[in-house]
Amino acid sequence: MPLENQLPKLDSLIAVAIANHPTVKINQALVGSAEARISLAKKSWSDLARVYVDYSYGNQAILYASGSDLSNVANGYRTGANLSIPLSEIFLKKDRVKLQKQELEATFYKTKEMELTISNQVIEEYNSALLGQKLMLIRLEMQEKARTNLQQMEMEFNLGNLDATSFLRNQEIYTIARSEYENARRNFFVAIQKLEVLLGESLANFIQ
């Protein structure tokens, strides 16, 4: 059966190859990393905020300069917060966020570029496999014809109806046909193996 009738549509194979390709997975992870950096860049001001909690107990007297009277500072928890924003944070934050967005966009398009490369490779190897199978079957047919013809020539030769030169010529034709079939068979299986490498799976998983 023709290979194209056994496999799913080419678009499905391309989708599998893209999903399984390690470079695409790396780029997808980089996209997530870039998105996280954008979020951090937007929240960078939070690193400048400080919150404190303090607790005091006991006699915390303050000596007034005007006399010897002592007044106690209230005991218990004291909380507070402060925020100190440098000018660089105000003026450069927008540029940092923009830079992270550009890196995210570059990673996104790099992923798309890789997907196009993978698609082209799958198309090439898929069609090589289809052509390889057709050529292999053609060579197989030629080999069988050469074998049948040689068997007939051998019978004629044994009966003395064919000279040795003609018989040897037919033997050579059969040998060449066998060699061409083996080469075509090898090329077909190499194309299959290359396609399987791109897909990241055995073609047996897709046979319908």
N, C-alpha and C. Protein backbone atom coordinates (compact mmCIF):
# COMPACT_ATOMS: atom_id res chain seq x y z
N MET A 1 0.84 -1.19 0.00
CA MET A 1 0.00 0.00 0.00
C MET A 1 0.89 1.25 0.00
N PRO A 2 0.54 2.26 -0.81
CA PRO A 2 1.34 3.48 -0.83
C PRO A 2 1.44 4.10 0.57
N LEU A 3 2.60 4.58 0.89
CA LEU A 3 2.85 5.14 2.22
C LEU A 3 1.92 6.31 2.52
N GLU A 4 1.62 7.12 1.52
CA GLU A 4 0.76 8.29 1.74
C GLU A 4 -0.65 7.90 2.15
N ASN A 5 -1.07 6.66 1.80
CA ASN A 5 -2.39 6.18 2.22
C ASN A 5 -2.38 5.59 3.62
N GLN A 6 -1.20 5.36 4.16
CA GLN A 6 -1.08 4.76 5.49
C GLN A 6 -0.85 5.80 6.59
N LEU A 7 -0.33 6.97 6.20
CA LEU A 7 0.02 7.99 7.17
C LEU A 7 -1.05 9.08 7.23
N PRO A 8 -1.11 9.81 8.36
CA PRO A 8 -2.04 10.94 8.42
C PRO A 8 -1.59 12.06 7.48
N LYS A 9 -2.38 13.12 7.41
CA LYS A 9 -2.06 14.22 6.51
C LYS A 9 -0.75 14.89 6.93
N LEU A 10 -0.13 15.50 5.95
CA LEU A 10 1.17 16.13 6.17
C LEU A 10 1.10 17.19 7.28
N ASP A 11 0.02 17.96 7.33
CA ASP A 11 -0.13 18.99 8.36
C ASP A 11 -0.05 18.39 9.77
N SER A 12 -0.64 17.22 9.93
CA SER A 12 -0.61 16.55 11.24
C SER A 12 0.80 16.14 11.61
N LEU A 13 1.55 15.63 10.64
CA LEU A 13 2.94 15.23 10.90
C LEU A 13 3.79 16.45 11.24
N ILE A 14 3.55 17.55 10.56
CA ILE A 14 4.30 18.78 10.85
C ILE A 14 4.02 19.24 12.28
N ALA A 15 2.76 19.18 12.68
CA ALA A 15 2.39 19.60 14.04
C ALA A 15 3.07 18.72 15.08
N VAL A 16 3.17 17.42 14.83
CA VAL A 16 3.85 16.51 15.76
C VAL A 16 5.33 16.84 15.84
N ALA A 17 5.95 17.08 14.68
CA ALA A 17 7.38 17.39 14.65
C ALA A 17 7.68 18.67 15.41
N ILE A 18 6.84 19.68 15.24
CA ILE A 18 7.04 20.95 15.94
C ILE A 18 6.87 20.76 17.45
N ALA A 19 5.86 20.02 17.84
CA ALA A 19 5.59 19.81 19.27
C ALA A 19 6.71 19.03 19.96
N ASN A 20 7.36 18.12 19.23
CA ASN A 20 8.39 17.27 19.84
C ASN A 20 9.80 17.82 19.69
N HIS A 21 9.99 18.85 18.88
CA HIS A 21 11.35 19.33 18.60
C HIS A 21 11.93 20.03 19.83
N PRO A 22 13.13 19.64 20.27
CA PRO A 22 13.71 20.22 21.49
C PRO A 22 13.98 21.72 21.38
N THR A 23 14.37 22.20 20.20
CA THR A 23 14.64 23.63 20.05
C THR A 23 13.38 24.46 20.24
N VAL A 24 12.27 23.97 19.73
CA VAL A 24 11.00 24.67 19.92
C VAL A 24 10.64 24.69 21.40
N LYS A 25 10.85 23.58 22.10
CA LYS A 25 10.56 23.54 23.53
C LYS A 25 11.43 24.53 24.30
N ILE A 26 12.70 24.63 23.91
CA ILE A 26 13.60 25.59 24.56
C ILE A 26 13.10 27.02 24.34
N ASN A 27 12.73 27.33 23.10
CA ASN A 27 12.25 28.67 22.79
C ASN A 27 10.94 28.99 23.51
N GLN A 28 10.09 27.99 23.65
CA GLN A 28 8.85 28.20 24.39
C GLN A 28 9.14 28.50 25.86
N ALA A 29 10.14 27.82 26.41
CA ALA A 29 10.54 28.09 27.78
C ALA A 29 11.13 29.50 27.90
N LEU A 30 11.87 29.93 26.87
CA LEU A 30 12.44 31.27 26.88
C LEU A 30 11.35 32.33 26.79
N VAL A 31 10.28 32.04 26.06
CA VAL A 31 9.15 32.97 26.00
C VAL A 31 8.56 33.15 27.39
N GLY A 32 8.37 32.04 28.10
CA GLY A 32 7.85 32.12 29.46
C GLY A 32 8.78 32.90 30.38
N SER A 33 10.08 32.70 30.19
CA SER A 33 11.06 33.42 31.00
C SER A 33 11.01 34.92 30.70
N ALA A 34 10.88 35.26 29.43
CA ALA A 34 10.81 36.68 29.04
C ALA A 34 9.56 37.33 29.60
N GLU A 35 8.45 36.61 29.60
CA GLU A 35 7.21 37.15 30.16
C GLU A 35 7.37 37.40 31.66
N ALA A 36 8.07 36.50 32.34
CA ALA A 36 8.30 36.67 33.77
C ALA A 36 9.19 37.88 34.04
N ARG A 37 10.19 38.10 33.18
CA ARG A 37 11.08 39.26 33.36
C ARG A 37 10.34 40.57 33.15
N ILE A 38 9.38 40.58 32.21
CA ILE A 38 8.55 41.78 32.01
C ILE A 38 7.76 42.08 33.27
N SER A 39 7.17 41.04 33.85
CA SER A 39 6.40 41.22 35.08
C SER A 39 7.28 41.74 36.21
N LEU A 40 8.49 41.21 36.32
CA LEU A 40 9.41 41.67 37.38
C LEU A 40 9.85 43.11 37.14
N ALA A 41 10.08 43.45 35.86
CA ALA A 41 10.50 44.81 35.55
C ALA A 41 9.41 45.81 35.92
N LYS A 42 8.16 45.44 35.72
CA LYS A 42 7.05 46.33 36.07
C LYS A 42 6.91 46.51 37.58
N LYS A 43 7.33 45.51 38.34
CA LYS A 43 7.18 45.54 39.80
C LYS A 43 8.49 45.86 40.52
N SER A 44 9.48 46.34 39.79
CA SER A 44 10.80 46.57 40.39
C SER A 44 10.76 47.59 41.52
N TRP A 45 9.77 48.47 41.50
CA TRP A 45 9.68 49.48 42.56
C TRP A 45 9.45 48.85 43.93
N SER A 46 8.87 47.65 43.94
CA SER A 46 8.54 47.01 45.23
C SER A 46 9.80 46.68 46.03
N ASP A 47 10.95 46.55 45.33
CA ASP A 47 12.19 46.27 46.06
C ASP A 47 12.63 47.46 46.89
N LEU A 48 12.11 48.65 46.59
CA LEU A 48 12.53 49.86 47.28
C LEU A 48 11.68 50.16 48.51
N ALA A 49 10.60 49.42 48.68
CA ALA A 49 9.71 49.63 49.83
C ALA A 49 10.22 48.84 51.03
N ARG A 50 10.11 49.45 52.21
CA ARG A 50 10.54 48.79 53.44
C ARG A 50 9.41 48.88 54.47
N VAL A 51 9.09 47.77 55.08
CA VAL A 51 8.07 47.71 56.13
C VAL A 51 8.75 47.17 57.39
N TYR A 52 8.47 47.80 58.53
CA TYR A 52 9.10 47.32 59.76
C TYR A 52 8.07 47.19 60.85
N VAL A 53 8.33 46.29 61.78
CA VAL A 53 7.48 46.06 62.96
C VAL A 53 8.42 45.99 64.17
N ASP A 54 8.07 46.71 65.23
CA ASP A 54 8.93 46.74 66.43
C ASP A 54 8.04 46.60 67.65
N TYR A 55 8.59 46.03 68.69
CA TYR A 55 7.84 45.89 69.93
C TYR A 55 8.73 46.34 71.09
N SER A 56 8.17 47.18 71.94
CA SER A 56 8.94 47.70 73.09
C SER A 56 8.16 47.46 74.37
N TYR A 57 8.91 47.19 75.45
CA TYR A 57 8.28 46.93 76.75
C TYR A 57 9.19 47.45 77.85
N GLY A 58 8.58 48.01 78.89
CA GLY A 58 9.39 48.50 80.02
C GLY A 58 9.36 50.03 80.10
N ASN A 59 10.17 50.52 80.95
CA ASN A 59 10.23 51.95 81.18
C ASN A 59 11.16 52.59 80.16
N GLN A 60 10.57 53.29 79.22
CA GLN A 60 11.35 53.91 78.17
C GLN A 60 11.25 55.43 78.33
N ALA A 61 11.91 55.91 79.31
CA ALA A 61 11.78 57.33 79.66
C ALA A 61 12.64 58.21 78.78
N ILE A 62 12.11 59.38 78.52
CA ILE A 62 12.84 60.38 77.76
C ILE A 62 13.12 61.56 78.68
N LEU A 63 14.32 61.97 78.76
CA LEU A 63 14.72 63.07 79.64
C LEU A 63 14.61 64.37 78.85
N TYR A 64 13.66 65.24 79.35
CA TYR A 64 13.48 66.52 78.67
C TYR A 64 14.60 67.48 79.06
N ALA A 65 15.04 68.23 78.13
CA ALA A 65 16.13 69.17 78.38
C ALA A 65 15.73 70.27 79.35
N SER A 66 14.41 70.54 79.46
CA SER A 66 13.95 71.63 80.32
C SER A 66 13.87 71.24 81.78
N GLY A 67 14.01 69.98 82.09
CA GLY A 67 13.89 69.58 83.49
C GLY A 67 14.20 68.11 83.66
N SER A 68 13.95 67.65 84.86
CA SER A 68 14.25 66.26 85.16
C SER A 68 13.03 65.39 85.09
N ASP A 69 11.92 65.94 84.58
CA ASP A 69 10.70 65.16 84.50
C ASP A 69 10.85 64.08 83.43
N LEU A 70 10.43 62.89 83.74
CA LEU A 70 10.53 61.77 82.80
C LEU A 70 9.15 61.43 82.27
N SER A 71 9.06 61.19 81.00
CA SER A 71 7.80 60.75 80.38
C SER A 71 8.05 59.42 79.68
N ASN A 72 7.17 58.52 79.85
CA ASN A 72 7.32 57.19 79.25
C ASN A 72 6.82 57.16 77.80
N VAL A 73 7.62 56.54 76.96
CA VAL A 73 7.16 56.25 75.61
C VAL A 73 6.18 55.09 75.69
N ALA A 74 5.12 55.14 74.97
CA ALA A 74 4.10 54.09 75.05
C ALA A 74 4.70 52.73 74.72
N ASN A 75 4.40 51.76 75.58
CA ASN A 75 4.86 50.40 75.35
C ASN A 75 3.99 49.72 74.28
N GLY A 76 4.54 48.67 73.63
CA GLY A 76 3.77 47.88 72.68
C GLY A 76 4.40 47.88 71.29
N TYR A 77 3.61 47.49 70.28
CA TYR A 77 4.09 47.36 68.90
C TYR A 77 4.13 48.72 68.23
N ARG A 78 5.13 48.86 67.40
CA ARG A 78 5.20 50.04 66.54
C ARG A 78 5.49 49.55 65.12
N THR A 79 4.74 49.99 64.15
CA THR A 79 4.93 49.59 62.75
C THR A 79 5.12 50.82 61.89
N GLY A 80 5.67 50.61 60.73
CA GLY A 80 5.87 51.73 59.82
C GLY A 80 6.34 51.24 58.48
N ALA A 81 6.43 52.12 57.55
CA ALA A 81 6.88 51.79 56.20
C ALA A 81 7.54 53.01 55.59
N ASN A 82 8.47 52.75 54.69
CA ASN A 82 9.07 53.87 53.98
C ASN A 82 9.36 53.44 52.54
N LEU A 83 9.37 54.37 51.68
CA LEU A 83 9.60 54.13 50.25
C LEU A 83 10.54 55.19 49.72
N SER A 84 11.65 54.71 49.19
CA SER A 84 12.65 55.61 48.63
C SER A 84 12.89 55.23 47.18
N ILE A 85 12.45 56.06 46.27
CA ILE A 85 12.53 55.77 44.85
C ILE A 85 13.60 56.64 44.21
N PRO A 86 14.68 56.06 43.73
CA PRO A 86 15.71 56.85 43.05
C PRO A 86 15.21 57.36 41.70
N LEU A 87 15.80 58.41 41.21
CA LEU A 87 15.39 58.98 39.92
C LEU A 87 15.58 57.99 38.78
N SER A 88 16.61 57.12 38.89
CA SER A 88 16.85 56.15 37.83
C SER A 88 15.66 55.20 37.67
N GLU A 89 14.98 54.89 38.78
CA GLU A 89 13.82 54.01 38.71
C GLU A 89 12.68 54.70 37.95
N ILE A 90 12.56 55.99 38.13
CA ILE A 90 11.49 56.74 37.47
C ILE A 90 11.75 56.86 35.97
N PHE A 91 12.98 57.16 35.62
CA PHE A 91 13.29 57.46 34.22
C PHE A 91 13.65 56.21 33.39
N LEU A 92 14.15 55.16 34.04
CA LEU A 92 14.63 53.99 33.31
C LEU A 92 13.67 52.81 33.32
N LYS A 93 12.69 52.84 34.19
CA LYS A 93 11.77 51.70 34.30
C LYS A 93 11.09 51.42 32.97
N LYS A 94 10.59 52.46 32.31
CA LYS A 94 9.89 52.29 31.04
C LYS A 94 10.79 51.65 30.00
N ASP A 95 12.07 52.06 29.98
CA ASP A 95 13.02 51.50 29.01
C ASP A 95 13.31 50.03 29.32
N ARG A 96 13.42 49.70 30.62
CA ARG A 96 13.68 48.30 30.99
C ARG A 96 12.52 47.40 30.57
N VAL A 97 11.30 47.87 30.80
CA VAL A 97 10.13 47.09 30.41
C VAL A 97 10.08 46.93 28.89
N LYS A 98 10.40 48.01 28.17
CA LYS A 98 10.40 47.96 26.71
C LYS A 98 11.44 46.97 26.21
N LEU A 99 12.62 46.97 26.85
CA LEU A 99 13.68 46.04 26.46
C LEU A 99 13.24 44.59 26.66
N GLN A 100 12.59 44.30 27.77
CA GLN A 100 12.13 42.95 28.04
C GLN A 100 11.05 42.54 27.04
N LYS A 101 10.18 43.47 26.65
CA LYS A 101 9.15 43.17 25.66
C LYS A 101 9.77 42.87 24.30
N GLN A 102 10.82 43.60 23.95
CA GLN A 102 11.49 43.35 22.68
C GLN A 102 12.18 42.00 22.68
N GLU A 103 12.76 41.61 23.82
CA GLU A 103 13.37 40.28 23.93
C GLU A 103 12.31 39.18 23.80
N LEU A 104 11.15 39.43 24.39
CA LEU A 104 10.05 38.47 24.28
C LEU A 104 9.61 38.34 22.83
N GLU A 105 9.48 39.47 22.14
CA GLU A 105 9.07 39.45 20.74
C GLU A 105 10.10 38.74 19.87
N ALA A 106 11.40 38.99 20.15
CA ALA A 106 12.46 38.33 19.38
C ALA A 106 12.43 36.82 19.58
N THR A 107 12.20 36.40 20.82
CA THR A 107 12.12 34.97 21.10
C THR A 107 10.91 34.34 20.42
N PHE A 108 9.81 35.08 20.40
CA PHE A 108 8.59 34.59 19.74
C PHE A 108 8.84 34.36 18.25
N TYR A 109 9.45 35.33 17.59
CA TYR A 109 9.70 35.20 16.15
C TYR A 109 10.79 34.17 15.86
N LYS A 110 11.72 34.02 16.79
CA LYS A 110 12.73 32.97 16.63
C LYS A 110 12.07 31.59 16.66
N THR A 111 11.08 31.45 17.53
CA THR A 111 10.33 30.19 17.59
C THR A 111 9.57 29.95 16.29
N LYS A 112 8.94 31.00 15.76
CA LYS A 112 8.21 30.88 14.51
C LYS A 112 9.15 30.52 13.35
N GLU A 113 10.35 31.11 13.37
CA GLU A 113 11.33 30.80 12.34
C GLU A 113 11.74 29.34 12.41
N MET A 114 11.93 28.83 13.63
CA MET A 114 12.29 27.43 13.80
C MET A 114 11.16 26.53 13.35
N GLU A 115 9.92 26.92 13.60
CA GLU A 115 8.77 26.12 13.17
C GLU A 115 8.71 26.03 11.65
N LEU A 116 9.03 27.12 10.96
CA LEU A 116 9.05 27.11 9.50
C LEU A 116 10.15 26.18 8.98
N THR A 117 11.31 26.23 9.65
CA THR A 117 12.41 25.35 9.25
C THR A 117 12.02 23.88 9.42
N ILE A 118 11.41 23.57 10.54
CA ILE A 118 10.98 22.19 10.80
C ILE A 118 9.93 21.77 9.78
N SER A 119 9.00 22.66 9.47
CA SER A 119 7.94 22.34 8.50
C SER A 119 8.55 22.00 7.15
N ASN A 120 9.51 22.82 6.71
CA ASN A 120 10.16 22.55 5.43
C ASN A 120 10.91 21.22 5.43
N GLN A 121 11.56 20.92 6.55
CA GLN A 121 12.29 19.66 6.65
C GLN A 121 11.34 18.46 6.60
N VAL A 122 10.22 18.56 7.31
CA VAL A 122 9.25 17.47 7.30
C VAL A 122 8.67 17.28 5.90
N ILE A 123 8.34 18.39 5.24
CA ILE A 123 7.81 18.30 3.86
C ILE A 123 8.81 17.60 2.95
N GLU A 124 10.09 17.98 3.08
CA GLU A 124 11.13 17.41 2.22
C GLU A 124 11.31 15.92 2.49
N GLU A 125 11.42 15.54 3.76
CA GLU A 125 11.65 14.13 4.10
C GLU A 125 10.41 13.28 3.85
N TYR A 126 9.24 13.86 4.05
CA TYR A 126 7.99 13.14 3.78
C TYR A 126 7.90 12.78 2.30
N ASN A 127 8.15 13.76 1.45
CA ASN A 127 8.10 13.50 0.01
C ASN A 127 9.24 12.61 -0.45
N SER A 128 10.39 12.70 0.21
CA SER A 128 11.50 11.79 -0.10
C SER A 128 11.11 10.34 0.22
N ALA A 129 10.39 10.17 1.33
CA ALA A 129 9.95 8.83 1.71
C ALA A 129 8.93 8.28 0.70
N LEU A 130 7.99 9.14 0.28
CA LEU A 130 7.00 8.70 -0.71
C LEU A 130 7.67 8.33 -2.03
N LEU A 131 8.59 9.20 -2.48
CA LEU A 131 9.31 8.92 -3.72
C LEU A 131 10.18 7.68 -3.57
N GLY A 132 10.83 7.55 -2.40
CA GLY A 132 11.69 6.40 -2.15
C GLY A 132 10.93 5.09 -2.25
N GLN A 133 9.70 5.08 -1.72
CA GLN A 133 8.90 3.86 -1.80
C GLN A 133 8.53 3.53 -3.24
N LYS A 134 8.15 4.56 -4.01
CA LYS A 134 7.77 4.34 -5.41
C LYS A 134 8.96 3.81 -6.22
N LEU A 135 10.13 4.42 -6.00
CA LEU A 135 11.31 3.97 -6.73
C LEU A 135 11.70 2.55 -6.32
N MET A 136 11.55 2.25 -5.04
CA MET A 136 11.87 0.91 -4.57
C MET A 136 10.96 -0.13 -5.23
N LEU A 137 9.68 0.19 -5.34
CA LEU A 137 8.74 -0.75 -5.95
C LEU A 137 9.01 -0.90 -7.45
N ILE A 138 9.41 0.19 -8.10
CA ILE A 138 9.77 0.11 -9.52
C ILE A 138 10.98 -0.80 -9.70
N ARG A 139 11.99 -0.58 -8.83
CA ARG A 139 13.20 -1.40 -8.92
C ARG A 139 12.91 -2.85 -8.58
N LEU A 140 11.99 -3.09 -7.67
CA LEU A 140 11.60 -4.45 -7.33
C LEU A 140 10.95 -5.14 -8.53
N GLU A 141 10.08 -4.40 -9.22
CA GLU A 141 9.43 -4.95 -10.41
C GLU A 141 10.45 -5.28 -11.50
N MET A 142 11.43 -4.37 -11.67
CA MET A 142 12.47 -4.62 -12.67
C MET A 142 13.33 -5.81 -12.29
N GLN A 143 13.59 -5.95 -10.99
CA GLN A 143 14.38 -7.10 -10.52
C GLN A 143 13.64 -8.41 -10.79
N GLU A 144 12.34 -8.43 -10.52
CA GLU A 144 11.55 -9.64 -10.73
C GLU A 144 11.48 -10.01 -12.23
N LYS A 145 11.37 -8.98 -13.06
CA LYS A 145 11.35 -9.25 -14.50
C LYS A 145 12.70 -9.80 -14.96
N ALA A 146 13.77 -9.21 -14.42
CA ALA A 146 15.10 -9.69 -14.80
C ALA A 146 15.33 -11.10 -14.30
N ARG A 147 14.81 -11.41 -13.12
CA ARG A 147 14.96 -12.76 -12.56
C ARG A 147 14.19 -13.78 -13.40
N THR A 148 12.94 -13.43 -13.76
CA THR A 148 12.13 -14.33 -14.58
C THR A 148 12.78 -14.55 -15.94
N ASN A 149 13.29 -13.46 -16.50
CA ASN A 149 13.94 -13.56 -17.81
C ASN A 149 15.20 -14.42 -17.73
N LEU A 150 15.95 -14.28 -16.64
CA LEU A 150 17.17 -15.08 -16.48
C LEU A 150 16.83 -16.55 -16.34
N GLN A 151 15.76 -16.87 -15.61
CA GLN A 151 15.35 -18.26 -15.46
C GLN A 151 15.01 -18.87 -16.82
N GLN A 152 14.34 -18.11 -17.65
CA GLN A 152 14.00 -18.61 -19.00
C GLN A 152 15.27 -18.79 -19.84
N MET A 153 16.17 -17.82 -19.72
CA MET A 153 17.42 -17.90 -20.48
C MET A 153 18.26 -19.10 -20.01
N GLU A 154 18.19 -19.37 -18.72
CA GLU A 154 18.95 -20.51 -18.16
C GLU A 154 18.42 -21.82 -18.73
N MET A 155 17.11 -21.91 -18.84
CA MET A 155 16.51 -23.12 -19.43
C MET A 155 16.94 -23.28 -20.90
N GLU A 156 16.90 -22.17 -21.63
CA GLU A 156 17.32 -22.21 -23.04
C GLU A 156 18.80 -22.56 -23.16
N PHE A 157 19.60 -22.03 -22.24
CA PHE A 157 21.04 -22.30 -22.26
C PHE A 157 21.31 -23.77 -21.98
N ASN A 158 20.59 -24.33 -21.00
CA ASN A 158 20.77 -25.75 -20.66
C ASN A 158 20.33 -26.67 -21.79
N LEU A 159 19.36 -26.21 -22.58
CA LEU A 159 18.89 -27.00 -23.71
C LEU A 159 19.77 -26.82 -24.94
N GLY A 160 20.72 -25.89 -24.81
CA GLY A 160 21.62 -25.65 -25.92
C GLY A 160 21.07 -24.70 -26.95
N ASN A 161 19.95 -24.02 -26.61
CA ASN A 161 19.33 -23.09 -27.55
C ASN A 161 19.83 -21.65 -27.40
N LEU A 162 20.73 -21.43 -26.43
CA LEU A 162 21.24 -20.07 -26.18
C LEU A 162 22.74 -20.14 -25.96
N ASP A 163 23.45 -19.19 -26.57
CA ASP A 163 24.90 -19.18 -26.41
C ASP A 163 25.28 -18.60 -25.06
N ALA A 164 26.49 -18.88 -24.62
CA ALA A 164 26.97 -18.47 -23.30
C ALA A 164 27.02 -16.95 -23.15
N THR A 165 27.37 -16.26 -24.25
CA THR A 165 27.46 -14.79 -24.17
C THR A 165 26.12 -14.17 -23.83
N SER A 166 25.06 -14.64 -24.48
CA SER A 166 23.72 -14.10 -24.21
C SER A 166 23.27 -14.43 -22.80
N PHE A 167 23.60 -15.64 -22.34
CA PHE A 167 23.23 -16.04 -20.98
C PHE A 167 23.95 -15.18 -19.94
N LEU A 168 25.24 -14.96 -20.15
CA LEU A 168 26.01 -14.14 -19.21
C LEU A 168 25.52 -12.70 -19.20
N ARG A 169 25.10 -12.21 -20.38
CA ARG A 169 24.58 -10.84 -20.45
C ARG A 169 23.31 -10.72 -19.61
N ASN A 170 22.45 -11.71 -19.66
CA ASN A 170 21.23 -11.70 -18.86
C ASN A 170 21.51 -11.84 -17.36
N GLN A 171 22.54 -12.61 -17.04
CA GLN A 171 22.97 -12.69 -15.64
C GLN A 171 23.41 -11.32 -15.13
N GLU A 172 24.14 -10.60 -15.98
CA GLU A 172 24.61 -9.26 -15.61
C GLU A 172 23.45 -8.29 -15.44
N ILE A 173 22.46 -8.39 -16.33
CA ILE A 173 21.27 -7.54 -16.22
C ILE A 173 20.55 -7.79 -14.90
N TYR A 174 20.44 -9.07 -14.53
CA TYR A 174 19.77 -9.42 -13.28
C TYR A 174 20.56 -8.90 -12.08
N THR A 175 21.88 -9.02 -12.14
CA THR A 175 22.73 -8.54 -11.05
C THR A 175 22.60 -7.03 -10.88
N ILE A 176 22.57 -6.31 -11.99
CA ILE A 176 22.40 -4.85 -11.94
C ILE A 176 21.03 -4.49 -11.37
N ALA A 177 20.01 -5.23 -11.78
CA ALA A 177 18.66 -4.98 -11.28
C ALA A 177 18.57 -5.20 -9.78
N ARG A 178 19.22 -6.26 -9.28
CA ARG A 178 19.26 -6.51 -7.84
C ARG A 178 19.96 -5.39 -7.10
N SER A 179 21.08 -4.94 -7.65
CA SER A 179 21.85 -3.86 -7.03
C SER A 179 21.04 -2.57 -6.96
N GLU A 180 20.36 -2.23 -8.05
CA GLU A 180 19.56 -1.02 -8.09
C GLU A 180 18.38 -1.10 -7.12
N TYR A 181 17.82 -2.31 -6.98
CA TYR A 181 16.74 -2.48 -6.02
C TYR A 181 17.24 -2.27 -4.59
N GLU A 182 18.40 -2.84 -4.26
CA GLU A 182 18.94 -2.69 -2.91
C GLU A 182 19.27 -1.23 -2.61
N ASN A 183 19.78 -0.51 -3.59
CA ASN A 183 20.06 0.92 -3.40
C ASN A 183 18.77 1.70 -3.16
N ALA A 184 17.74 1.38 -3.96
CA ALA A 184 16.45 2.06 -3.79
C ALA A 184 15.84 1.72 -2.43
N ARG A 185 15.99 0.48 -2.02
CA ARG A 185 15.47 0.05 -0.72
C ARG A 185 16.18 0.79 0.42
N ARG A 186 17.50 0.90 0.29
CA ARG A 186 18.28 1.62 1.31
C ARG A 186 17.86 3.09 1.37
N ASN A 187 17.71 3.72 0.21
CA ASN A 187 17.31 5.13 0.17
C ASN A 187 15.94 5.34 0.79
N PHE A 188 15.05 4.39 0.57
CA PHE A 188 13.70 4.49 1.14
C PHE A 188 13.76 4.44 2.66
N PHE A 189 14.52 3.50 3.20
CA PHE A 189 14.57 3.37 4.65
C PHE A 189 15.35 4.51 5.30
N VAL A 190 16.33 5.06 4.60
CA VAL A 190 17.03 6.25 5.12
C VAL A 190 16.05 7.42 5.21
N ALA A 191 15.22 7.60 4.19
CA ALA A 191 14.21 8.66 4.20
C ALA A 191 13.22 8.46 5.34
N ILE A 192 12.83 7.21 5.57
CA ILE A 192 11.92 6.89 6.68
C ILE A 192 12.56 7.26 8.02
N GLN A 193 13.82 6.88 8.18
CA GLN A 193 14.52 7.15 9.44
C GLN A 193 14.70 8.65 9.68
N LYS A 194 14.99 9.40 8.62
CA LYS A 194 15.13 10.86 8.75
C LYS A 194 13.80 11.49 9.15
N LEU A 195 12.72 10.99 8.56
CA LEU A 195 11.39 11.51 8.91
C LEU A 195 11.06 11.19 10.36
N GLU A 196 11.40 10.00 10.81
CA GLU A 196 11.15 9.61 12.20
C GLU A 196 11.95 10.47 13.18
N VAL A 197 13.18 10.82 12.81
CA VAL A 197 13.99 11.70 13.66
C VAL A 197 13.33 13.06 13.80
N LEU A 198 12.81 13.59 12.71
CA LEU A 198 12.14 14.89 12.74
C LEU A 198 10.85 14.82 13.57
N LEU A 199 10.13 13.73 13.45
CA LEU A 199 8.87 13.59 14.18
C LEU A 199 9.10 13.32 15.66
N GLY A 200 10.24 12.74 15.96
CA GLY A 200 10.50 12.35 17.35
C GLY A 200 9.76 11.10 17.75
N GLU A 201 9.20 10.40 16.78
CA GLU A 201 8.44 9.18 17.04
C GLU A 201 8.60 8.23 15.85
N SER A 202 8.31 6.97 16.09
CA SER A 202 8.33 5.98 15.01
C SER A 202 7.11 6.16 14.12
N LEU A 203 7.32 5.96 12.82
CA LEU A 203 6.19 6.05 11.89
C LEU A 203 5.14 4.97 12.16
N ALA A 204 5.55 3.91 12.83
CA ALA A 204 4.60 2.85 13.16
C ALA A 204 3.47 3.38 14.04
N ASN A 205 3.74 4.48 14.79
CA ASN A 205 2.71 5.07 15.64
C ASN A 205 1.64 5.79 14.85
N PHE A 206 1.93 6.05 13.58
CA PHE A 206 0.99 6.83 12.76
C PHE A 206 0.30 6.00 11.67
N ILE A 207 0.74 4.76 11.50
CA ILE A 207 0.17 3.93 10.45
C ILE A 207 -1.32 3.73 10.71
N GLN A 208 -2.12 4.03 9.71
CA GLN A 208 -3.59 3.91 9.86
C GLN A 208 -4.08 2.57 9.34
